[in-house]
Protein backbone atom coordinates (compact mmCIF):
# COMPACT_ATOMS: atom_id res chain seq x y z
CA UNK A 1 12.36 3.41 -3.32
CA UNK A 2 11.99 4.45 -6.95
CA UNK A 3 11.39 7.74 -8.73
CA UNK A 4 8.28 6.82 -10.71
CA UNK A 5 5.72 4.03 -10.50
CA UNK A 6 3.50 3.67 -13.58
CA UNK A 7 0.29 1.73 -13.08
CA UNK A 8 -0.83 0.11 -16.32
CA UNK A 9 1.14 -1.18 -19.31
CA UNK A 10 -1.09 -0.19 -22.19
CA UNK A 11 -0.19 2.40 -24.88
CA UNK A 12 -0.14 5.37 -22.48
CA UNK A 13 1.72 3.62 -19.67
CA UNK A 14 4.35 2.22 -22.03
CA UNK A 15 4.82 5.61 -23.70
CA UNK A 16 5.26 7.42 -20.37
CA UNK A 17 7.73 4.73 -19.26
CA UNK A 18 9.78 5.11 -22.46
CA UNK A 19 10.02 8.88 -22.07
CA UNK A 20 10.72 8.82 -18.33
CA UNK A 21 13.45 6.21 -18.78
CA UNK A 22 14.90 8.31 -21.58
CA UNK A 23 15.07 11.24 -19.14
CA UNK A 24 17.19 9.16 -16.77
CA UNK A 25 14.56 8.54 -14.09
CA UNK A 26 14.33 5.36 -12.02
CA UNK A 27 11.06 3.91 -13.36
CA UNK A 28 8.98 0.79 -12.85
CA UNK A 29 5.87 0.07 -14.86
CA UNK A 30 3.39 -2.48 -13.54
CA UNK A 31 0.91 -4.72 -15.34
CA UNK A 32 0.71 -7.16 -18.24
CA UNK A 33 1.60 -5.35 -21.48
CA UNK A 34 -1.44 -4.54 -23.65
CA UNK A 35 -3.75 -6.62 -21.44
CA UNK A 36 -6.91 -4.70 -22.31
CA UNK A 37 -6.17 -4.88 -26.03
CA UNK A 38 -5.39 -8.58 -25.89
CA UNK A 39 -8.19 -9.80 -23.63
CA UNK A 40 -10.94 -7.15 -23.56
CA UNK A 41 -11.46 -6.51 -27.25
CA UNK A 42 -13.10 -9.03 -29.55
CA UNK A 43 -10.95 -11.33 -31.61
CA UNK A 44 -11.02 -10.17 -35.23
CA UNK A 45 -11.57 -6.51 -34.34
CA UNK A 46 -9.90 -3.86 -36.50
CA UNK A 47 -8.76 -0.52 -35.11
CA UNK A 48 -10.91 2.39 -36.20
CA UNK A 49 -7.93 4.74 -36.00
CA UNK A 50 -5.69 4.68 -39.04
CA UNK A 51 -2.20 3.21 -38.78
CA UNK A 52 -0.65 6.70 -38.95
CA UNK A 53 -2.56 7.63 -35.78
CA UNK A 54 -1.63 4.48 -33.85
CA UNK A 55 1.98 5.05 -32.81
CA UNK A 56 3.15 4.68 -29.23
CA UNK A 57 5.57 7.38 -28.08
CA UNK A 58 9.30 7.12 -27.42
CA UNK A 59 11.74 10.03 -27.08
CA UNK A 60 13.39 9.63 -30.49
CA UNK A 61 10.27 8.36 -32.28
CA UNK A 62 12.12 5.23 -33.36
CA UNK A 63 9.45 2.70 -32.45
CA UNK A 64 6.28 3.79 -34.19
CA UNK A 65 3.83 1.28 -35.61
CA UNK A 66 5.40 1.75 -39.04
CA UNK A 67 8.71 0.41 -37.68
CA UNK A 68 6.90 -2.76 -36.60
CA UNK A 69 4.71 -3.25 -39.68
CA UNK A 70 4.19 -1.20 -42.83
CA UNK A 71 0.60 -0.37 -43.70
CA UNK A 72 -0.86 0.86 -46.95
CA UNK A 73 -2.91 4.05 -46.83
CA UNK A 74 -6.34 3.32 -45.33
CA UNK A 75 -5.47 -0.28 -44.44
CA UNK A 76 -7.04 -1.12 -41.05
CA UNK A 77 -4.93 -2.52 -38.22
CA UNK A 78 -6.04 -5.84 -36.63
CA UNK A 79 -6.23 -5.64 -32.84
CA UNK A 80 -4.06 -8.75 -32.52
CA UNK A 81 -1.27 -7.09 -34.47
CA UNK A 82 -1.59 -3.89 -32.48
CA UNK A 83 -1.27 -5.84 -29.23
CA UNK A 84 1.82 -7.55 -30.64
CA UNK A 85 3.20 -4.13 -31.59
CA UNK A 86 2.75 -2.91 -28.01
CA UNK A 87 4.77 -5.87 -26.71
CA UNK A 88 7.45 -5.26 -29.34
CA UNK A 89 7.59 -1.60 -28.27
CA UNK A 90 7.92 -2.65 -24.62
CA UNK A 91 10.89 -4.90 -25.36
CA UNK A 92 12.76 -2.09 -27.13
CA UNK A 93 11.73 1.08 -25.31
CA UNK A 94 10.96 -0.12 -21.77
CA UNK A 95 12.92 -3.33 -21.32
CA UNK A 96 13.49 -4.56 -17.77
CA UNK A 97 11.60 -1.66 -16.19
CA UNK A 98 8.42 -3.74 -16.57
CA UNK A 99 7.03 -5.75 -13.66
CA UNK A 100 4.03 -7.80 -14.78
CA UNK A 101 2.56 -7.86 -11.27
CA UNK A 102 -0.79 -6.12 -11.04
CA UNK A 103 -1.12 -3.17 -8.69
CA UNK A 104 -3.84 -3.95 -6.15
CA UNK A 105 -3.72 -0.68 -4.18
CA UNK A 106 -2.15 2.79 -4.33
CA UNK A 107 -1.94 4.73 -1.09
CA UNK A 108 0.33 7.29 0.50
CA UNK A 109 3.04 7.00 3.11
CA UNK A 110 4.24 10.43 4.13
CA UNK A 111 5.24 12.23 0.91
CA UNK A 112 5.62 8.94 -0.96
CA UNK A 113 3.21 6.69 -2.83
CA UNK A 114 2.85 3.14 -1.51
CA UNK A 115 1.89 0.46 -4.03
CA UNK A 116 0.71 -3.03 -3.11
CA UNK A 117 1.27 -5.69 -5.78
CA UNK A 118 -0.49 -8.94 -6.63
CA UNK A 119 2.83 -10.70 -5.99
CA UNK A 120 2.60 -9.68 -2.33
CA UNK A 121 5.41 -7.17 -2.65
CA UNK A 122 5.11 -3.46 -1.93
CA UNK A 123 6.85 -0.50 -3.58
CA UNK A 124 7.48 3.09 -2.50
CA UNK A 125 7.70 5.76 -5.19
CA UNK A 126 8.28 9.50 -5.19
CA UNK A 127 5.75 9.96 -8.02
CA UNK A 128 3.04 7.82 -9.57
CA UNK A 129 1.36 7.79 -12.96
CA UNK A 130 -2.06 6.14 -13.34
CA UNK A 131 -2.45 4.76 -16.86
CA UNK A 132 -5.48 2.62 -16.10
CA UNK A 133 -7.01 2.82 -19.56
CA UNK A 134 -10.71 2.62 -20.25
CA UNK A 135 -11.82 -0.56 -18.47
CA UNK A 136 -12.63 1.01 -15.06
CA UNK A 137 -14.97 3.48 -16.76
CA UNK A 138 -17.20 1.13 -18.77
CA UNK A 139 -20.72 2.61 -18.80
CA UNK A 140 -23.68 0.27 -18.38
CA UNK A 141 -27.23 1.66 -18.62
CA UNK A 142 -28.89 1.73 -15.23
CA UNK A 143 -31.86 -0.31 -16.43
CA UNK A 144 -29.53 -3.29 -16.90
CA UNK A 145 -28.21 -3.12 -13.33
CA UNK A 146 -30.52 -5.86 -12.08
CA UNK A 147 -29.49 -8.40 -14.73
CA UNK A 148 -26.87 -11.07 -13.93
CA UNK A 149 -23.62 -11.29 -15.97
CA UNK A 150 -24.89 -14.30 -17.89
CA UNK A 151 -27.68 -12.10 -19.25
CA UNK A 152 -26.08 -8.67 -19.70
CA UNK A 153 -22.49 -7.57 -20.23
CA UNK A 154 -20.47 -4.66 -21.59
CA UNK A 155 -18.66 -4.88 -24.91
CA UNK A 156 -15.30 -4.72 -23.09
CA UNK A 157 -16.15 -7.95 -21.26
CA UNK A 158 -15.65 -10.05 -24.39
CA UNK A 159 -12.75 -11.42 -26.36
CA UNK A 160 -14.20 -14.58 -27.91
CA UNK A 161 -17.61 -13.83 -29.39
CA UNK A 162 -17.77 -17.37 -30.76
CA UNK A 163 -19.28 -18.33 -27.39
CA UNK A 164 -22.54 -16.76 -28.63
CA UNK A 165 -22.86 -18.97 -31.73
CA UNK A 166 -26.49 -20.02 -32.20
CA UNK A 167 -27.80 -17.50 -29.64
CA UNK A 168 -29.92 -14.37 -30.01
CA UNK A 169 -27.91 -11.33 -28.91
CA UNK A 170 -28.96 -7.68 -28.73
CA UNK A 171 -26.27 -4.99 -28.82
CA UNK A 172 -27.09 -1.54 -27.46
CA UNK A 173 -25.47 1.45 -29.17
CA UNK A 174 -24.76 3.00 -32.56
CA UNK A 175 -21.01 3.64 -32.46
CA UNK A 176 -18.12 1.65 -33.88
CA UNK A 177 -17.95 -0.67 -30.88
CA UNK A 178 -21.64 -1.58 -31.19
CA UNK A 179 -21.61 -1.99 -34.95
CA UNK A 180 -18.42 -4.05 -35.05
CA UNK A 181 -19.45 -6.21 -32.07
CA UNK A 182 -22.77 -6.99 -33.77
CA UNK A 183 -21.00 -7.77 -37.06
CA UNK A 184 -18.50 -10.09 -35.39
CA UNK A 185 -21.35 -11.80 -33.52
CA UNK A 186 -23.17 -12.44 -36.79
CA UNK A 187 -19.97 -13.75 -38.39
CA UNK A 188 -19.51 -16.05 -35.39
CA UNK A 189 -22.94 -17.61 -35.93
CA UNK A 190 -25.13 -15.56 -33.57
CA UNK A 191 -28.40 -13.87 -34.44
CA UNK A 192 -27.38 -10.27 -33.81
CA UNK A 193 -29.33 -7.04 -33.70
CA UNK A 194 -28.63 -3.41 -32.88
CA UNK A 195 -30.95 -1.32 -30.72
CA UNK A 196 -30.11 2.38 -30.67
CA UNK A 197 -31.64 5.74 -29.77
CA UNK A 198 -30.31 7.27 -33.00
CA UNK A 199 -32.82 7.47 -35.83
CA UNK A 200 -30.12 6.63 -38.41
CA UNK A 201 -26.71 4.98 -38.44
CA UNK A 202 -23.71 7.09 -39.41
CA UNK A 203 -20.78 5.74 -41.42
CA UNK A 204 -17.39 7.28 -42.09
CA UNK A 205 -16.45 8.05 -45.68
CA UNK A 206 -13.92 5.97 -47.58
CA UNK A 207 -10.63 7.90 -47.30
CA UNK A 208 -9.20 9.13 -50.58
CA UNK A 209 -5.40 9.01 -50.73
CA UNK A 210 -5.21 11.71 -53.40
CA UNK A 211 -7.35 14.84 -52.94
CA UNK A 212 -7.55 18.17 -54.68
CA UNK A 213 -5.97 21.25 -53.12
CA UNK A 214 -9.45 22.68 -52.52
CA UNK A 215 -10.56 19.55 -50.66
CA UNK A 216 -7.41 19.61 -48.55
CA UNK A 217 -8.05 23.23 -47.60
CA UNK A 218 -11.72 22.70 -46.86
CA UNK A 219 -11.25 19.54 -44.81
CA UNK A 220 -7.61 18.93 -43.82
CA UNK A 221 -6.81 15.57 -42.31
CA UNK A 222 -5.55 14.94 -38.81
CA UNK A 223 -4.98 12.00 -36.52
CA UNK A 224 -8.55 12.50 -35.27
CA UNK A 225 -10.12 12.64 -38.72
CA UNK A 226 -11.03 15.32 -41.23
CA UNK A 227 -11.89 18.99 -40.72
CA UNK A 228 -10.33 22.04 -39.10
CA UNK A 229 -11.74 21.34 -35.61
CA UNK A 230 -10.17 17.87 -35.60
CA UNK A 231 -6.87 19.40 -36.71
CA UNK A 232 -7.00 21.85 -33.79
CA UNK A 233 -7.95 19.27 -31.17
CA UNK A 234 -5.26 16.82 -32.32
CA UNK A 235 -2.43 19.33 -32.70
CA UNK A 236 -3.15 21.60 -29.74
CA UNK A 237 -4.31 19.44 -26.82
CA UNK A 238 -2.34 21.64 -24.45
CA UNK A 239 -4.39 24.68 -25.48
CA UNK A 240 -7.71 22.93 -24.79
CA UNK A 241 -6.86 22.97 -21.10
CA UNK A 242 -7.23 26.75 -21.03
CA UNK A 243 -10.73 26.82 -22.51
CA UNK A 244 -13.79 27.36 -20.29
CA UNK A 245 -15.15 24.21 -18.65
CA UNK A 246 -18.35 24.22 -20.72
CA UNK A 247 -16.40 24.59 -23.96
CA UNK A 248 -14.04 21.74 -23.12
CA UNK A 249 -16.96 19.52 -22.17
CA UNK A 250 -18.72 20.32 -25.46
CA UNK A 251 -15.58 19.48 -27.47
CA UNK A 252 -15.06 16.14 -25.73
CA UNK A 253 -18.71 15.12 -26.01
CA UNK A 254 -19.26 16.15 -29.63
CA UNK A 255 -15.99 15.43 -31.42
CA UNK A 256 -16.17 12.17 -33.36
CA UNK A 257 -19.72 11.15 -32.52
CA UNK A 258 -21.05 7.60 -33.01
CA UNK A 259 -20.21 6.28 -36.48
CA UNK A 260 -19.05 3.07 -38.11
CA UNK A 261 -15.86 2.65 -40.11
CA UNK A 262 -16.20 2.61 -43.87
CA UNK A 263 -14.63 -0.86 -44.13
CA UNK A 264 -17.29 -2.37 -41.82
CA UNK A 265 -20.42 -1.34 -43.67
CA UNK A 266 -20.51 -4.08 -46.31
CA UNK A 267 -20.05 -6.74 -43.63
CA UNK A 268 -22.75 -5.18 -41.42
CA UNK A 269 -25.50 -4.57 -43.97
CA UNK A 270 -27.78 -7.57 -44.28
CA UNK A 271 -26.04 -9.50 -41.50
CA UNK A 272 -27.34 -7.56 -38.50
CA UNK A 273 -30.92 -6.64 -37.69
CA UNK A 274 -31.42 -2.98 -36.77
CA UNK A 275 -33.95 -1.23 -34.51
CA UNK A 276 -33.41 2.54 -34.47
CA UNK A 277 -35.07 5.50 -32.80
CA UNK A 278 -35.70 3.36 -29.74
CA UNK A 279 -34.92 3.92 -26.07
CA UNK A 280 -34.43 1.16 -23.49
CA UNK A 281 -36.71 1.75 -20.50
CA UNK A 282 -36.47 -1.51 -18.58
CA UNK A 283 -35.20 -5.08 -18.54
CA UNK A 284 -36.25 -8.36 -16.93
CA UNK A 285 -34.45 -11.67 -16.63
CA UNK A 286 -36.23 -15.01 -16.78
CA UNK A 287 -35.58 -17.78 -19.29
CA UNK A 288 -33.93 -15.03 -21.32
CA UNK A 289 -34.02 -11.25 -21.25
CA UNK A 290 -37.10 -9.14 -21.94
CA UNK A 291 -36.27 -5.57 -22.91
CA UNK A 292 -38.83 -2.80 -22.55
CA UNK A 293 -38.52 -0.25 -25.34
CA UNK A 294 -40.05 3.07 -26.30
CA UNK A 295 -39.79 4.58 -29.79
CA UNK A 296 -39.65 8.22 -30.85
CA UNK A 297 -43.45 8.45 -31.04
CA UNK A 298 -43.74 7.30 -27.42
CA UNK A 299 -45.10 3.87 -28.30
CA UNK A 300 -43.96 1.13 -25.91
CA UNK A 301 -43.01 -2.41 -26.78
CA UNK A 302 -40.95 -5.39 -25.67
CA UNK A 303 -38.16 -7.42 -27.20
CA UNK A 304 -37.12 -10.91 -26.10
CA UNK A 305 -33.47 -11.88 -26.49
CA UNK A 306 -31.00 -14.27 -24.87
CA UNK A 307 -28.24 -11.81 -24.04
CA UNK A 308 -27.64 -8.06 -24.04
CA UNK A 309 -24.29 -6.44 -24.73
CA UNK A 310 -24.05 -2.76 -23.83
CA UNK A 311 -21.68 -1.08 -26.29
CA UNK A 312 -22.48 2.19 -24.57
CA UNK A 313 -19.05 3.69 -24.12
CA UNK A 314 -17.12 4.93 -21.11
CA UNK A 315 -17.67 7.65 -18.52
CA UNK A 316 -14.74 8.81 -16.44
CA UNK A 317 -15.28 8.87 -12.70
CA UNK A 318 -12.31 8.82 -10.33
CA UNK A 319 -14.44 6.97 -7.77
CA UNK A 320 -14.24 3.95 -10.09
CA UNK A 321 -10.44 3.73 -9.90
CA UNK A 322 -10.74 1.08 -7.22
CA UNK A 323 -7.00 0.65 -6.62
CA UNK A 324 -6.74 4.20 -5.26
CA UNK A 325 -7.10 4.38 -1.49
CA UNK A 326 -10.17 6.33 -0.41
CA UNK A 327 -8.26 9.38 0.85
CA UNK A 328 -6.45 9.73 -2.49
CA UNK A 329 -9.66 9.21 -4.45
CA UNK A 330 -11.36 11.98 -2.49
CA UNK A 331 -8.44 14.34 -3.03
CA UNK A 332 -8.21 13.61 -6.77
CA UNK A 333 -11.98 13.94 -7.20
CA UNK A 334 -12.08 17.30 -5.40
CA UNK A 335 -12.36 19.03 -8.79
CA UNK A 336 -15.01 16.63 -10.13
CA UNK A 337 -15.48 13.03 -11.35
CA UNK A 338 -13.12 13.78 -14.25
CA UNK A 339 -10.48 15.86 -12.46
CA UNK A 340 -8.92 19.03 -13.82
CA UNK A 341 -5.25 18.27 -14.44
CA UNK A 342 -2.18 20.49 -14.54
CA UNK A 343 -0.21 21.18 -17.72
CA UNK A 344 1.83 18.06 -16.89
CA UNK A 345 -1.20 15.84 -16.19
CA UNK A 346 -0.78 16.16 -12.42
CA UNK A 347 -3.90 15.66 -10.31
CA UNK A 348 -4.74 17.79 -7.24
CA UNK A 349 -2.51 15.32 -5.35
CA UNK A 350 1.10 16.45 -5.82
CA UNK A 351 3.17 13.86 -7.66
CA UNK A 352 0.17 11.81 -8.86
CA UNK A 353 -0.48 11.98 -12.62
CA UNK A 354 -3.38 10.64 -14.67
CA UNK A 355 -3.16 9.84 -18.41
CA UNK A 356 -5.33 8.36 -21.14
CA UNK A 357 -9.12 8.56 -21.26
CA UNK A 358 -9.22 10.04 -17.76
CA UNK A 359 -7.34 13.09 -19.08
CA UNK A 360 -9.76 13.85 -21.93
CA UNK A 361 -11.81 16.29 -19.86
CA UNK A 362 -8.68 18.46 -19.54
CA UNK A 363 -6.81 17.91 -22.81
CA UNK A 364 -9.58 17.02 -25.23
CA UNK A 365 -10.56 14.12 -27.47
CA UNK A 366 -7.02 13.08 -28.47
CA UNK A 367 -6.69 11.49 -25.04
CA UNK A 368 -9.43 9.02 -25.95
CA UNK A 369 -7.17 7.51 -28.61
CA UNK A 370 -3.66 6.15 -29.06
CA UNK A 371 -2.71 9.29 -30.99
CA UNK A 372 -2.53 11.21 -27.69
CA UNK A 373 0.20 8.96 -26.21
CA UNK A 374 3.25 10.90 -27.28
CA UNK A 375 1.95 14.30 -26.18
CA UNK A 376 0.91 12.93 -22.80
CA UNK A 377 4.20 11.10 -22.27
CA UNK A 378 6.30 14.18 -23.09
CA UNK A 379 4.25 16.46 -20.83
CA UNK A 380 4.18 14.02 -17.92
CA UNK A 381 7.92 13.41 -18.17
CA UNK A 382 8.58 17.14 -18.15
CA UNK A 383 6.62 17.40 -14.91
CA UNK A 384 8.31 14.37 -13.35
CA UNK A 385 11.79 15.64 -14.15
CA UNK A 386 11.02 19.12 -12.80
CA UNK A 387 9.52 17.81 -9.57
CA UNK A 388 12.00 15.03 -8.83
CA UNK A 389 15.15 16.92 -9.68
CA UNK A 390 13.88 19.95 -7.79
CA UNK A 391 13.21 17.77 -4.75
CA UNK A 392 16.73 16.36 -4.93
CA UNK A 393 18.28 19.82 -5.08
CA UNK A 394 16.16 20.92 -2.10
CA UNK A 395 17.17 17.82 -0.15
CA UNK A 396 20.84 18.76 -0.58
CA UNK A 397 20.44 22.30 0.75
CA UNK A 398 21.99 22.83 4.19
CA UNK A 399 19.62 23.31 7.07
CA UNK A 400 19.39 26.97 8.12
């Protein structure tokens, strides 16, 4: 039996493991390090977050991205290098606590958590941390539900877009994922287009390294971007938890809306066809895919393409964490599809914590990005230490 089982070895899982190990807990972290970043993001992708906002968290802050590779101001980080950084971080901050077996099920056994592994082994843990990332929550428009995988996929389904060379591909969405996926498709030899409900594409400004005092006061920078709201949400995620539900929901939904990175625009313009102000109303599969569209005026039309990629984001729903046994899923979801978490990221199930994207509804938009890792890891570890050491003290009390 161990103190803590961490499910998922991405940025959040690795950061929690580093902090929990630093606190002297008996920890195991399960999964292939940086799997989603290595295999579920397209080759050649660049991180939208700046290097300064892409550090994993360790107790002494020794193993930030800048310790692995120095970046110039505004220089984008290739996804391949970020995945390599995560593995480098694991070797130094987590070490032998990693078990690359995948967790196939998480249930309960008395007051313990019972994990089943792909290796056939099982593990009992006093506490568990779910760091499942974004993959379980990929959102696919309902109108694509009837299409087979060879005709319609989500952007997270792809690593090698070169497989689409010579094919006509339609990408749904107007955010960074859609715009970069379409650009990489075009660069790989596909005929790529964007279809989006937005009536115009938004692009981030080129960051200026030197700014006047007035500009810095008007729009201070943060790990989430420019402006006072972004500063607040990035520096005070713990305070967001105390806001009314409707306010928190508004912050999460409206902070950092769909926009492309400044460094992508020159590559995108002229290489990707664009259809804006258009809503997808239906889809049929035959020799290819026929999309039924409706524009802002209400006029209907069709578009024939060979493949559709939905770059339509992620929607948290605990019911989609398939490894959780049904009784645990029901208990965690008792406060809603995106559960309300405690100050230490604990779910309504005592001893079960949830970090990363799934925590954004409680702690705000920082949890959607790597920049939230260190805060989450420190808070979770504080809760783990309090609970586990308290349980040990209680266990040693004489029976009355």
